[in-house]
Protein backbone atom coordinates (compact mmCIF):
# COMPACT_ATOMS: atom_id res chain seq x y z
CA MET A 1 -6.39 -6.72 -21.34
CA ASN A 2 -3.61 -5.58 -19.00
CA SER A 3 -2.87 -1.94 -18.20
CA ILE A 4 0.58 -2.91 -16.91
CA GLU A 5 2.81 -5.70 -18.23
CA VAL A 6 6.08 -6.54 -16.51
CA SER A 7 8.49 -9.19 -17.80
CA ASN A 8 11.74 -10.20 -16.06
CA LEU A 9 12.20 -6.66 -14.75
CA GLU A 10 15.43 -6.09 -12.87
CA LYS A 11 17.27 -3.20 -11.28
CA GLN A 12 20.83 -3.54 -10.08
CA TYR A 13 23.05 -1.05 -8.26
CA GLY A 14 26.60 -2.33 -8.51
CA SER A 15 26.49 -5.85 -7.08
CA PHE A 16 23.17 -5.26 -5.29
CA LYS A 17 19.95 -6.34 -7.01
CA ALA A 18 17.06 -4.24 -5.71
CA VAL A 19 14.57 -5.95 -8.05
CA ARG A 20 15.29 -9.50 -9.20
CA GLY A 21 13.65 -10.33 -12.52
CA ILE A 22 10.00 -9.91 -11.53
CA SER A 23 7.07 -10.57 -13.88
CA PHE A 24 3.39 -9.72 -13.40
CA GLY A 25 0.42 -8.05 -15.05
CA VAL A 26 -2.16 -5.57 -13.80
CA LYS A 27 -5.57 -5.91 -15.39
CA GLU A 28 -7.27 -2.90 -16.92
CA GLY A 29 -9.66 -1.32 -14.42
CA GLU A 30 -8.50 -3.16 -11.30
CA ILE A 31 -7.10 -1.91 -8.01
CA PHE A 32 -3.78 -3.68 -7.60
CA GLY A 33 -1.93 -3.68 -4.29
CA PHE A 34 1.86 -3.89 -4.13
CA LEU A 35 2.94 -4.84 -0.62
CA GLY A 36 6.35 -5.24 0.95
CA PRO A 37 8.52 -4.08 3.87
CA ASN A 38 10.96 -1.20 3.54
CA GLY A 39 13.78 -2.15 1.18
CA ALA A 40 11.75 -4.90 -0.52
CA GLY A 41 11.88 -3.26 -3.96
CA LYS A 42 8.49 -1.49 -4.02
CA SER A 43 9.72 2.03 -4.67
CA THR A 44 12.30 0.86 -7.19
CA THR A 45 9.61 -1.00 -9.12
CA ILE A 46 7.24 1.97 -9.10
CA ASN A 47 10.00 4.31 -10.23
CA MET A 48 10.70 2.02 -13.19
CA LEU A 49 7.02 1.73 -14.10
CA THR A 50 6.56 5.51 -14.01
CA GLY A 51 9.59 6.30 -16.15
CA GLN A 52 11.63 7.78 -13.31
CA LEU A 53 14.23 4.99 -13.28
CA LYS A 54 15.69 2.98 -16.15
CA PRO A 55 15.58 -0.82 -15.69
CA THR A 56 18.84 -2.73 -15.75
CA SER A 57 17.13 -5.46 -17.78
CA GLY A 58 13.69 -6.79 -18.64
CA GLU A 59 10.69 -4.94 -20.01
CA ALA A 60 7.67 -3.09 -18.70
CA TYR A 61 4.71 -1.56 -20.52
CA VAL A 62 1.99 0.75 -19.28
CA CYS A 63 -1.08 0.95 -21.54
CA GLY A 64 1.00 -0.69 -24.24
CA VAL A 65 3.78 1.89 -24.07
CA ASN A 66 7.34 0.92 -23.12
CA VAL A 67 8.34 2.63 -19.86
CA LEU A 68 11.50 3.83 -21.59
CA ASP A 69 9.28 6.28 -23.50
CA LYS A 70 9.09 8.68 -20.55
CA LYS A 71 7.14 11.45 -22.28
CA ARG A 72 4.26 9.23 -23.40
CA ILE A 73 4.19 7.34 -20.10
CA ARG A 74 3.83 10.53 -18.06
CA GLU A 75 0.95 11.68 -20.25
CA MET A 76 -1.02 8.53 -19.42
CA ILE A 77 -0.32 8.09 -15.70
CA GLY A 78 -1.01 9.96 -12.50
CA ILE A 79 1.54 9.74 -9.70
CA VAL A 80 0.75 10.48 -6.07
CA PRO A 81 4.03 10.15 -4.15
CA GLN A 82 4.20 9.75 -0.39
CA GLU A 83 6.01 13.08 -0.23
CA LEU A 84 3.57 15.96 -0.73
CA SER A 85 3.88 17.84 -4.03
CA LEU A 86 2.10 20.99 -2.80
CA ASN A 87 3.07 24.64 -2.57
CA ASP A 88 2.15 25.73 0.97
CA LEU A 89 2.06 29.40 0.03
CA LEU A 90 -0.69 28.89 -2.58
CA THR A 91 -4.35 28.14 -2.02
CA ALA A 92 -5.78 24.74 -2.90
CA GLU A 93 -7.34 26.25 -6.02
CA GLN A 94 -4.05 27.87 -7.06
CA ASN A 95 -2.18 24.59 -6.61
CA LEU A 96 -4.64 22.88 -8.94
CA ARG A 97 -4.39 25.67 -11.52
CA LEU A 98 -0.59 25.46 -11.45
CA TYR A 99 -0.50 21.69 -11.93
CA GLY A 100 -3.25 21.79 -14.54
CA THR A 101 -1.18 24.25 -16.55
CA LEU A 102 1.89 22.01 -16.30
CA TYR A 103 -0.22 19.11 -17.62
CA ASN A 104 -1.64 21.31 -20.40
CA VAL A 105 -5.22 20.76 -19.26
CA PRO A 106 -7.52 23.22 -21.09
CA GLY A 107 -8.99 25.95 -18.88
CA LYS A 108 -12.64 24.85 -19.00
CA GLU A 109 -11.77 21.20 -18.33
CA LEU A 110 -9.42 22.22 -15.54
CA ASN A 111 -12.13 24.24 -13.80
CA GLU A 112 -14.68 21.41 -14.11
CA ARG A 113 -12.29 18.72 -12.90
CA SER A 114 -11.00 20.86 -10.05
CA HIS A 115 -14.53 21.57 -8.84
CA HIS A 116 -15.59 17.92 -9.06
CA LEU A 117 -12.45 16.58 -7.36
CA LEU A 118 -12.53 19.13 -4.55
CA GLU A 119 -16.19 18.30 -3.91
CA ALA A 120 -15.50 14.56 -3.89
CA MET A 121 -12.67 14.97 -1.39
CA GLY A 122 -14.58 17.34 0.90
CA LEU A 123 -12.30 20.29 0.17
CA ALA A 124 -14.55 22.53 -1.93
CA GLU A 125 -15.22 24.95 0.95
CA ARG A 126 -11.49 25.29 1.58
CA LYS A 127 -10.41 25.96 -2.01
CA LYS A 128 -9.46 29.56 -1.17
CA THR A 129 -7.46 28.52 1.90
CA LEU A 130 -3.67 28.55 1.87
CA VAL A 131 -2.32 24.99 1.93
CA LYS A 132 -0.05 25.87 4.86
CA ASP A 133 -3.22 26.10 6.96
CA PHE A 134 -4.43 22.63 5.96
CA SER A 135 -4.21 19.63 8.27
CA GLY A 136 -1.98 16.73 7.24
CA GLY A 137 -4.97 14.70 6.06
CA MET A 138 -6.32 17.58 3.97
CA LYS A 139 -2.94 18.02 2.32
CA GLN A 140 -2.83 14.31 1.50
CA ARG A 141 -6.29 14.49 -0.09
CA LEU A 142 -5.26 17.50 -2.17
CA ASN A 143 -2.10 15.65 -3.17
CA VAL A 144 -4.24 12.84 -4.62
CA ILE A 145 -6.33 15.35 -6.57
CA LEU A 146 -3.19 16.64 -8.28
CA GLY A 147 -2.50 13.19 -9.66
CA LEU A 148 -5.96 13.05 -11.26
CA LEU A 149 -6.18 16.49 -12.88
CA HIS A 150 -5.13 15.33 -16.36
CA ASP A 151 -7.50 12.32 -16.30
CA PRO A 152 -4.87 9.56 -16.33
CA LYS A 153 -5.51 5.96 -17.42
CA VAL A 154 -3.41 4.54 -14.56
CA LEU A 155 -3.05 6.09 -11.10
CA PHE A 156 -0.05 5.21 -8.91
CA LEU A 157 -0.73 5.77 -5.21
CA ASP A 158 2.17 5.47 -2.78
CA GLU A 159 0.91 5.21 0.82
CA PRO A 160 -2.08 7.54 0.18
CA THR A 161 -3.51 7.43 3.73
CA THR A 162 -0.36 7.70 5.83
CA GLY A 163 -0.96 10.04 8.77
CA MET A 164 -4.74 10.20 8.30
CA ASP A 165 -7.22 9.56 11.09
CA THR A 166 -9.80 6.79 10.71
CA GLN A 167 -12.53 9.04 9.27
CA ALA A 168 -10.24 10.65 6.69
CA ARG A 169 -8.84 7.24 5.73
CA ARG A 170 -12.35 5.90 5.08
CA MET A 171 -13.12 8.96 2.95
CA MET A 172 -9.99 8.29 0.91
CA TRP A 173 -10.95 4.63 0.45
CA ASP A 174 -14.37 5.64 -0.88
CA PHE A 175 -12.77 8.18 -3.20
CA ILE A 176 -10.32 5.60 -4.60
CA LYS A 177 -13.27 3.28 -5.23
CA GLN A 178 -15.08 6.09 -7.10
CA VAL A 179 -12.02 6.82 -9.21
CA ASN A 180 -11.65 3.14 -10.06
CA LYS A 181 -15.33 2.82 -11.09
CA LYS A 182 -14.67 5.40 -13.79
CA GLY A 183 -12.25 2.96 -15.43
CA ILE A 184 -8.96 4.18 -13.99
CA THR A 185 -6.54 1.41 -13.08
CA VAL A 186 -5.08 1.94 -9.59
CA PHE A 187 -1.63 0.71 -8.52
CA LEU A 188 -1.45 1.04 -4.74
CA THR A 189 1.24 0.63 -2.11
CA THR A 190 0.20 0.68 1.54
CA HIS A 191 1.38 -0.32 5.00
CA TYR A 192 -2.22 -0.86 6.13
CA MET A 193 -3.26 -4.46 5.49
CA GLU A 194 -6.92 -3.68 6.14
CA GLU A 195 -6.66 -1.04 3.43
CA ALA A 196 -5.29 -3.53 0.91
CA ASP A 197 -7.93 -6.09 1.94
CA TYR A 198 -10.76 -3.58 1.51
CA LEU A 199 -9.64 -1.90 -1.69
CA CYS A 200 -7.63 -4.32 -3.80
CA ASP A 201 -8.92 -6.79 -6.37
CA ARG A 202 -5.51 -8.48 -6.24
CA VAL A 203 -2.29 -7.97 -4.34
CA ALA A 204 1.34 -8.82 -4.98
CA ILE A 205 3.69 -9.42 -2.05
CA ILE A 206 7.33 -8.55 -2.74
CA ASP A 207 10.29 -9.19 -0.45
CA GLU A 208 14.02 -8.85 -1.14
CA GLY A 209 13.30 -7.91 -4.75
CA VAL A 210 11.28 -11.07 -5.48
CA ILE A 211 7.51 -11.43 -5.79
CA GLN A 212 6.42 -14.05 -3.27
CA ALA A 213 2.73 -14.28 -4.22
CA ILE A 214 0.01 -12.68 -6.36
CA ASP A 215 -3.71 -13.32 -5.91
CA THR A 216 -6.94 -11.92 -4.51
CA PRO A 217 -6.88 -11.16 -0.78
CA ALA A 218 -9.50 -13.87 -0.19
CA LYS A 219 -7.51 -16.57 -1.98
CA LEU A 220 -4.28 -15.61 -0.25
CA LYS A 221 -5.98 -15.84 3.14
CA SER A 222 -7.56 -19.17 2.24
CA GLN A 223 -4.05 -20.62 1.84
CA LEU A 224 -3.65 -20.23 5.62
CA LYS A 225 -6.94 -21.89 6.59
CA HIS A 226 -5.02 -24.57 8.47
CA GLU A 227 -2.71 -22.06 10.19
CA ASN A 228 -3.15 -21.89 13.98
CA ILE A 229 -3.11 -18.33 15.26
CA ILE A 230 -3.93 -17.11 18.74
CA THR A 231 -4.04 -13.63 20.22
CA ILE A 232 -3.46 -12.88 23.89
CA GLN A 233 -4.47 -9.58 25.49
CA ILE A 234 -1.67 -8.87 27.92
CA GLU A 235 0.48 -6.04 29.21
CA GLU A 236 3.75 -5.79 27.32
CA ASP A 237 7.10 -6.12 28.99
CA GLU A 238 10.61 -6.44 27.60
CA GLN A 239 10.80 -10.17 28.24
CA VAL A 240 7.44 -11.47 27.00
CA ILE A 241 8.50 -12.11 23.38
CA ASN A 242 11.65 -13.93 24.52
CA ASP A 243 9.70 -16.04 27.01
CA VAL A 244 7.15 -17.33 24.52
CA GLY A 245 9.33 -17.19 21.40
CA SER A 246 11.65 -19.89 22.74
CA ILE A 247 8.82 -22.40 23.23
CA ALA A 248 8.91 -25.35 20.84
CA GLY A 249 5.96 -25.14 18.46
CA ILE A 250 5.76 -21.35 18.24
CA LYS A 251 6.74 -20.29 14.73
CA ASN A 252 6.42 -16.51 15.13
CA ALA A 253 5.49 -14.09 17.90
CA PHE A 254 4.67 -10.39 17.66
CA PHE A 255 3.42 -7.82 20.15
CA SER A 256 1.46 -4.71 19.19
CA ARG A 257 -0.98 -2.43 21.05
CA GLY A 258 -1.55 -4.73 23.99
CA GLU A 259 -1.94 -7.84 21.86
CA LEU A 260 0.45 -10.76 21.72
CA LYS A 261 -0.02 -12.69 18.47
CA LEU A 262 1.35 -16.22 18.21
CA TYR A 263 1.65 -18.43 15.13
CA ILE A 264 1.71 -21.97 16.48
CA GLU A 265 2.05 -25.59 15.44
CA ASP A 266 -0.54 -28.15 16.44
CA ARG A 267 1.10 -30.10 19.25
CA ASP A 268 -0.08 -31.52 22.56
CA GLY A 269 0.74 -29.44 25.61
CA LEU A 270 1.65 -26.26 23.70
CA LEU A 271 -1.05 -24.11 25.30
CA LEU A 272 0.04 -25.28 28.75
CA ASP A 273 3.64 -24.32 27.94
CA ILE A 274 2.46 -20.87 26.81
CA ALA A 275 0.46 -20.42 30.01
CA LYS A 276 3.50 -21.36 32.11
CA ALA A 277 5.70 -18.90 30.22
CA LEU A 278 3.20 -16.12 30.88
CA GLU A 279 2.59 -17.07 34.51
CA GLY A 280 2.37 -14.05 36.77
CA ARG A 281 1.33 -11.69 34.00
CA PRO A 282 -2.29 -10.43 33.94
CA ILE A 283 -3.93 -12.06 30.89
CA LYS A 284 -7.22 -10.47 29.79
CA SER A 285 -8.14 -12.97 27.08
CA ILE A 286 -6.86 -15.74 24.79
CA THR A 287 -8.54 -16.06 21.39
CA SER A 288 -8.12 -18.26 18.32
CA VAL A 289 -8.44 -16.06 15.19
CA GLU A 290 -8.92 -16.43 11.44
CA PRO A 291 -5.95 -15.51 9.20
CA THR A 292 -5.74 -11.95 7.89
CA LEU A 293 -3.76 -10.51 5.00
CA ASP A 294 -1.16 -9.49 7.56
CA ASP A 295 -0.82 -13.16 8.53
CA VAL A 296 -0.33 -14.11 4.88
CA PHE A 297 2.47 -11.58 4.69
CA ILE A 298 4.15 -12.97 7.80
CA SER A 299 3.79 -16.53 6.53
CA LEU A 300 5.50 -15.66 3.23
CA THR A 301 8.23 -13.33 4.47
CA GLY A 302 8.71 -14.15 8.15
CA LYS A 303 8.31 -10.47 9.05
CA ARG A 304 5.64 -7.87 9.53
CA LEU A 305 4.98 -5.30 6.81
CA ARG A 306 6.49 -2.44 8.79
CA ASP A 307 9.75 -4.31 9.55
């Protein structure tokens, strides 16, 4: 059974189609990743699925309810937007009480859920602290708790770990896994490919309003088993991408954090041509690597997720 059903969903603004007749389903109880660069149609799709935006055409159902029925949809879903929904002048506990009241959560249930969720997110000892004194990561964790207070059937998470350090991000991943094990379907957008790879049962890749692929991370990566990818540890300069990018046989080239990543064709003499292009630059290492989910994204869209 599917928690989310989407059929030929479209959103048009004048002559511009932000979402172009997409169709997909999200299985009950799965963590589903929705990946795409800025402007790909992610936010528009989420806003339609959560009743915040009316589709131009097509249909979408969440837990069997048409998304046009905004009142019933909002009773069944939790939404954690990228923008924080917190009142900085209230304590964590007061924020939860305020949102619980808005969701009509009975007092005893609200207290029990608040205690459990604060404990799970490592915030129980700070429940009396004003939110303005929280770190960015703590605010993000509290923001997620707000979306779970009314015990939703489907949780929409939009970039839940943005701005978190590695330790806080791992804590959030474990928490999302715990939430999912209780039967809550999770619809996740993220810019972190390792996050999608670790958390998601399946992912959809959307670009220019069109879904390019849907499958498990493992199966998507297996499609690139014959792709040749090398990484070169090298100091960046303004010319390095131009120097290697013009070489015949190099399909894509990206530089990030001291690593030059090249997607190459299998042709004789290519590695020698690359070495010549990089001559005079201190190269620390050259390594052939297995495809990642990030590589799948590049292969399908020709761009990196943050483009």
